[in-house]
Amino acid sequence: MSPVTKPRRFVIADLKWLISDPTNQPSAGLTAFRQALGRDDLFSVYVKFSRSAGCSGAWNKAKIYALAEEMEGRLPPSGEILMITAGSTIVAEARITSDGAEIV
């Protein structure tokens, strides 16, 4: 019998790197907070980039998942901004454009 899987919620965002040397990987485990709530809202995220070659200052599409299912409710709705961080450094701005769910 195969394990029961549930759809995981994600948001799609226009992501802009704010650092001079962004990742060239297709995905990354990072942290994020909703801009409107500040750093006290910090939670872990998994980000899949549409383009793996990062370009500082360039916009990219990204799919962002909360790392833990319990944190999915913290993903912001369309129109809000999610600040992506690595440690205490803000590395990207993500403008949420839509959301969805898929089995991962």
C-alpha atoms as a PDB file:
ATOM      1  CA  MET A   1       0.000   0.000   0.000  1.00  0.00           C
ATOM      2  CA  SER A   2       1.423   3.380  -0.965  1.00  0.00           C
ATOM      3  CA  PRO A   3       1.532   6.199   1.595  1.00  0.00           C
ATOM      4  CA  VAL A   4      -1.250   8.773   1.551  1.00  0.00           C
ATOM      5  CA  THR A   5      -0.038  12.075   0.149  1.00  0.00           C
ATOM      6  CA  LYS A   6      -1.733  15.431   0.498  1.00  0.00           C
ATOM      7  CA  PRO A   7      -1.371  18.441  -1.771  1.00  0.00           C
ATOM      8  CA  ARG A   8       1.118  21.045  -0.537  1.00  0.00           C
ATOM      9  CA  ARG A   9       0.231  24.717  -0.870  1.00  0.00           C
ATOM     10  CA  PHE A  10       2.654  27.061  -2.627  1.00  0.00           C
ATOM     11  CA  VAL A  11       2.741  30.620  -3.910  1.00  0.00           C
ATOM     12  CA  ILE A  12       4.073  31.849  -7.232  1.00  0.00           C
ATOM     13  CA  ALA A  13       6.083  35.045  -7.094  1.00  0.00           C
ATOM     14  CA  ASP A  14       8.031  37.500  -9.170  1.00  0.00           C
ATOM     15  CA  LEU A  15      11.360  37.320  -7.351  1.00  0.00           C
ATOM     16  CA  LYS A  16      14.075  39.975  -7.508  1.00  0.00           C
ATOM     17  CA  TRP A  17      17.555  39.272  -6.149  1.00  0.00           C
ATOM     18  CA  LEU A  18      18.903  42.032  -3.902  1.00  0.00           C
ATOM     19  CA  ILE A  19      22.425  40.609  -3.559  1.00  0.00           C
ATOM     20  CA  SER A  20      25.307  40.746  -6.016  1.00  0.00           C
ATOM     21  CA  ASP A  21      25.977  36.987  -6.074  1.00  0.00           C
ATOM     22  CA  PRO A  22      22.661  35.067  -6.118  1.00  0.00           C
ATOM     23  CA  THR A  23      22.467  31.288  -6.305  1.00  0.00           C
ATOM     24  CA  ASN A  24      22.815  29.478  -9.621  1.00  0.00           C
ATOM     25  CA  GLN A  25      20.968  26.431  -8.297  1.00  0.00           C
ATOM     26  CA  PRO A  26      17.436  25.488  -9.453  1.00  0.00           C
ATOM     27  CA  SER A  27      16.161  25.573  -5.855  1.00  0.00           C
ATOM     28  CA  ALA A  28      17.198  26.597  -2.354  1.00  0.00           C
ATOM     29  CA  GLY A  29      16.171  26.227   1.270  1.00  0.00           C
ATOM     30  CA  LEU A  30      15.939  29.724   2.756  1.00  0.00           C
ATOM     31  CA  THR A  31      13.935  31.715   5.290  1.00  0.00           C
ATOM     32  CA  ALA A  32      11.326  34.398   4.687  1.00  0.00           C
ATOM     33  CA  PHE A  33       9.007  36.851   6.378  1.00  0.00           C
ATOM     34  CA  ARG A  34       5.947  38.755   5.220  1.00  0.00           C
ATOM     35  CA  GLN A  35       6.997  42.364   4.666  1.00  0.00           C
ATOM     36  CA  ALA A  36       3.894  43.699   6.408  1.00  0.00           C
ATOM     37  CA  LEU A  37       4.642  41.689   9.582  1.00  0.00           C
ATOM     38  CA  GLY A  38       8.413  42.073   9.820  1.00  0.00           C
ATOM     39  CA  ARG A  39      11.162  39.715  10.955  1.00  0.00           C
ATOM     40  CA  ASP A  40       9.125  38.328  13.869  1.00  0.00           C
ATOM     41  CA  ASP A  41       7.196  36.430  11.160  1.00  0.00           C
ATOM     42  CA  LEU A  42      10.337  34.528  10.002  1.00  0.00           C
ATOM     43  CA  PHE A  43       9.746  30.945   8.776  1.00  0.00           C
ATOM     44  CA  SER A  44      11.552  28.366   6.615  1.00  0.00           C
ATOM     45  CA  VAL A  45      10.800  28.127   2.895  1.00  0.00           C
ATOM     46  CA  TYR A  46      11.809  26.034  -0.102  1.00  0.00           C
ATOM     47  CA  VAL A  47      12.134  28.077  -3.310  1.00  0.00           C
ATOM     48  CA  LYS A  48      12.117  26.635  -6.860  1.00  0.00           C
ATOM     49  CA  PHE A  49      13.396  29.125  -9.432  1.00  0.00           C
ATOM     50  CA  SER A  50      12.159  29.179 -13.048  1.00  0.00           C
ATOM     51  CA  ARG A  51      15.687  30.183 -14.125  1.00  0.00           C
ATOM     52  CA  SER A  52      18.587  28.648 -12.239  1.00  0.00           C
ATOM     53  CA  ALA A  53      21.075  31.339 -13.283  1.00  0.00           C
ATOM     54  CA  GLY A  54      20.555  34.121 -10.760  1.00  0.00           C
ATOM     55  CA  CYS A  55      20.998  37.689 -11.935  1.00  0.00           C
ATOM     56  CA  SER A  56      21.341  40.424  -9.354  1.00  0.00           C
ATOM     57  CA  GLY A  57      18.576  42.988  -9.786  1.00  0.00           C
ATOM     58  CA  ALA A  58      16.773  40.861 -12.403  1.00  0.00           C
ATOM     59  CA  TRP A  59      13.236  39.517 -11.932  1.00  0.00           C
ATOM     60  CA  ASN A  60      12.658  35.766 -11.977  1.00  0.00           C
ATOM     61  CA  LYS A  61       9.579  33.591 -11.427  1.00  0.00           C
ATOM     62  CA  ALA A  62       9.681  31.352  -8.372  1.00  0.00           C
ATOM     63  CA  LYS A  63       7.465  28.802  -6.664  1.00  0.00           C
ATOM     64  CA  ILE A  64       7.703  29.100  -2.865  1.00  0.00           C
ATOM     65  CA  TYR A  65       6.673  26.404  -0.379  1.00  0.00           C
ATOM     66  CA  ALA A  66       6.623  26.583   3.419  1.00  0.00           C
ATOM     67  CA  LEU A  67       9.182  24.021   4.573  1.00  0.00           C
ATOM     68  CA  ALA A  68       6.781  22.507   7.111  1.00  0.00           C
ATOM     69  CA  GLU A  69       3.108  21.820   6.460  1.00  0.00           C
ATOM     70  CA  GLU A  70       2.243  23.616   9.723  1.00  0.00           C
ATOM     71  CA  MET A  71       3.672  26.853   8.276  1.00  0.00           C
ATOM     72  CA  GLU A  72       1.662  26.846   5.017  1.00  0.00           C
ATOM     73  CA  GLY A  73      -0.812  29.334   6.493  1.00  0.00           C
ATOM     74  CA  ARG A  74       2.013  31.877   6.720  1.00  0.00           C
ATOM     75  CA  LEU A  75       2.442  32.020   2.938  1.00  0.00           C
ATOM     76  CA  PRO A  76       1.013  35.400   1.920  1.00  0.00           C
ATOM     77  CA  PRO A  77      -1.885  35.952  -0.488  1.00  0.00           C
ATOM     78  CA  SER A  78      -1.539  37.445  -3.951  1.00  0.00           C
ATOM     79  CA  GLY A  79      -0.445  41.072  -3.926  1.00  0.00           C
ATOM     80  CA  GLU A  80       1.683  40.855  -0.779  1.00  0.00           C
ATOM     81  CA  ILE A  81       5.476  40.865  -0.541  1.00  0.00           C
ATOM     82  CA  LEU A  82       7.601  38.136   0.998  1.00  0.00           C
ATOM     83  CA  MET A  83      11.175  39.035   1.926  1.00  0.00           C
ATOM     84  CA  ILE A  84      13.554  36.099   1.338  1.00  0.00           C
ATOM     85  CA  THR A  85      16.495  35.826   3.722  1.00  0.00           C
ATOM     86  CA  ALA A  86      19.647  33.790   4.252  1.00  0.00           C
ATOM     87  CA  GLY A  87      20.455  34.069   7.918  1.00  0.00           C
ATOM     88  CA  SER A  88      19.902  37.699   8.876  1.00  0.00           C
ATOM     89  CA  THR A  89      20.552  39.014   5.342  1.00  0.00           C
ATOM     90  CA  ILE A  90      17.644  39.893   3.039  1.00  0.00           C
ATOM     91  CA  VAL A  91      18.597  38.339  -0.316  1.00  0.00           C
ATOM     92  CA  ALA A  92      15.443  38.746  -2.442  1.00  0.00           C
ATOM     93  CA  GLU A  93      12.023  40.351  -2.655  1.00  0.00           C
ATOM     94  CA  ALA A  94       9.146  38.114  -3.770  1.00  0.00           C
ATOM     95  CA  ARG A  95       5.927  39.741  -5.002  1.00  0.00           C
ATOM     96  CA  ILE A  96       3.204  37.114  -4.742  1.00  0.00           C
ATOM     97  CA  THR A  97       1.165  36.785  -7.944  1.00  0.00           C
ATOM     98  CA  SER A  98      -0.890  33.619  -7.336  1.00  0.00           C
ATOM     99  CA  ASP A  99      -1.054  30.409  -5.354  1.00  0.00           C
ATOM    100  CA  GLY A 100      -1.754  26.753  -5.869  1.00  0.00           C
ATOM    101  CA  ALA A 101      -1.299  23.262  -4.488  1.00  0.00           C
ATOM    102  CA  GLU A 102       0.334  20.092  -5.773  1.00  0.00           C
ATOM    103  CA  ILE A 103       1.397  16.691  -4.547  1.00  0.00           C
ATOM    104  CA  VAL A 104       5.134  16.824  -3.911  1.00  0.00           C
END
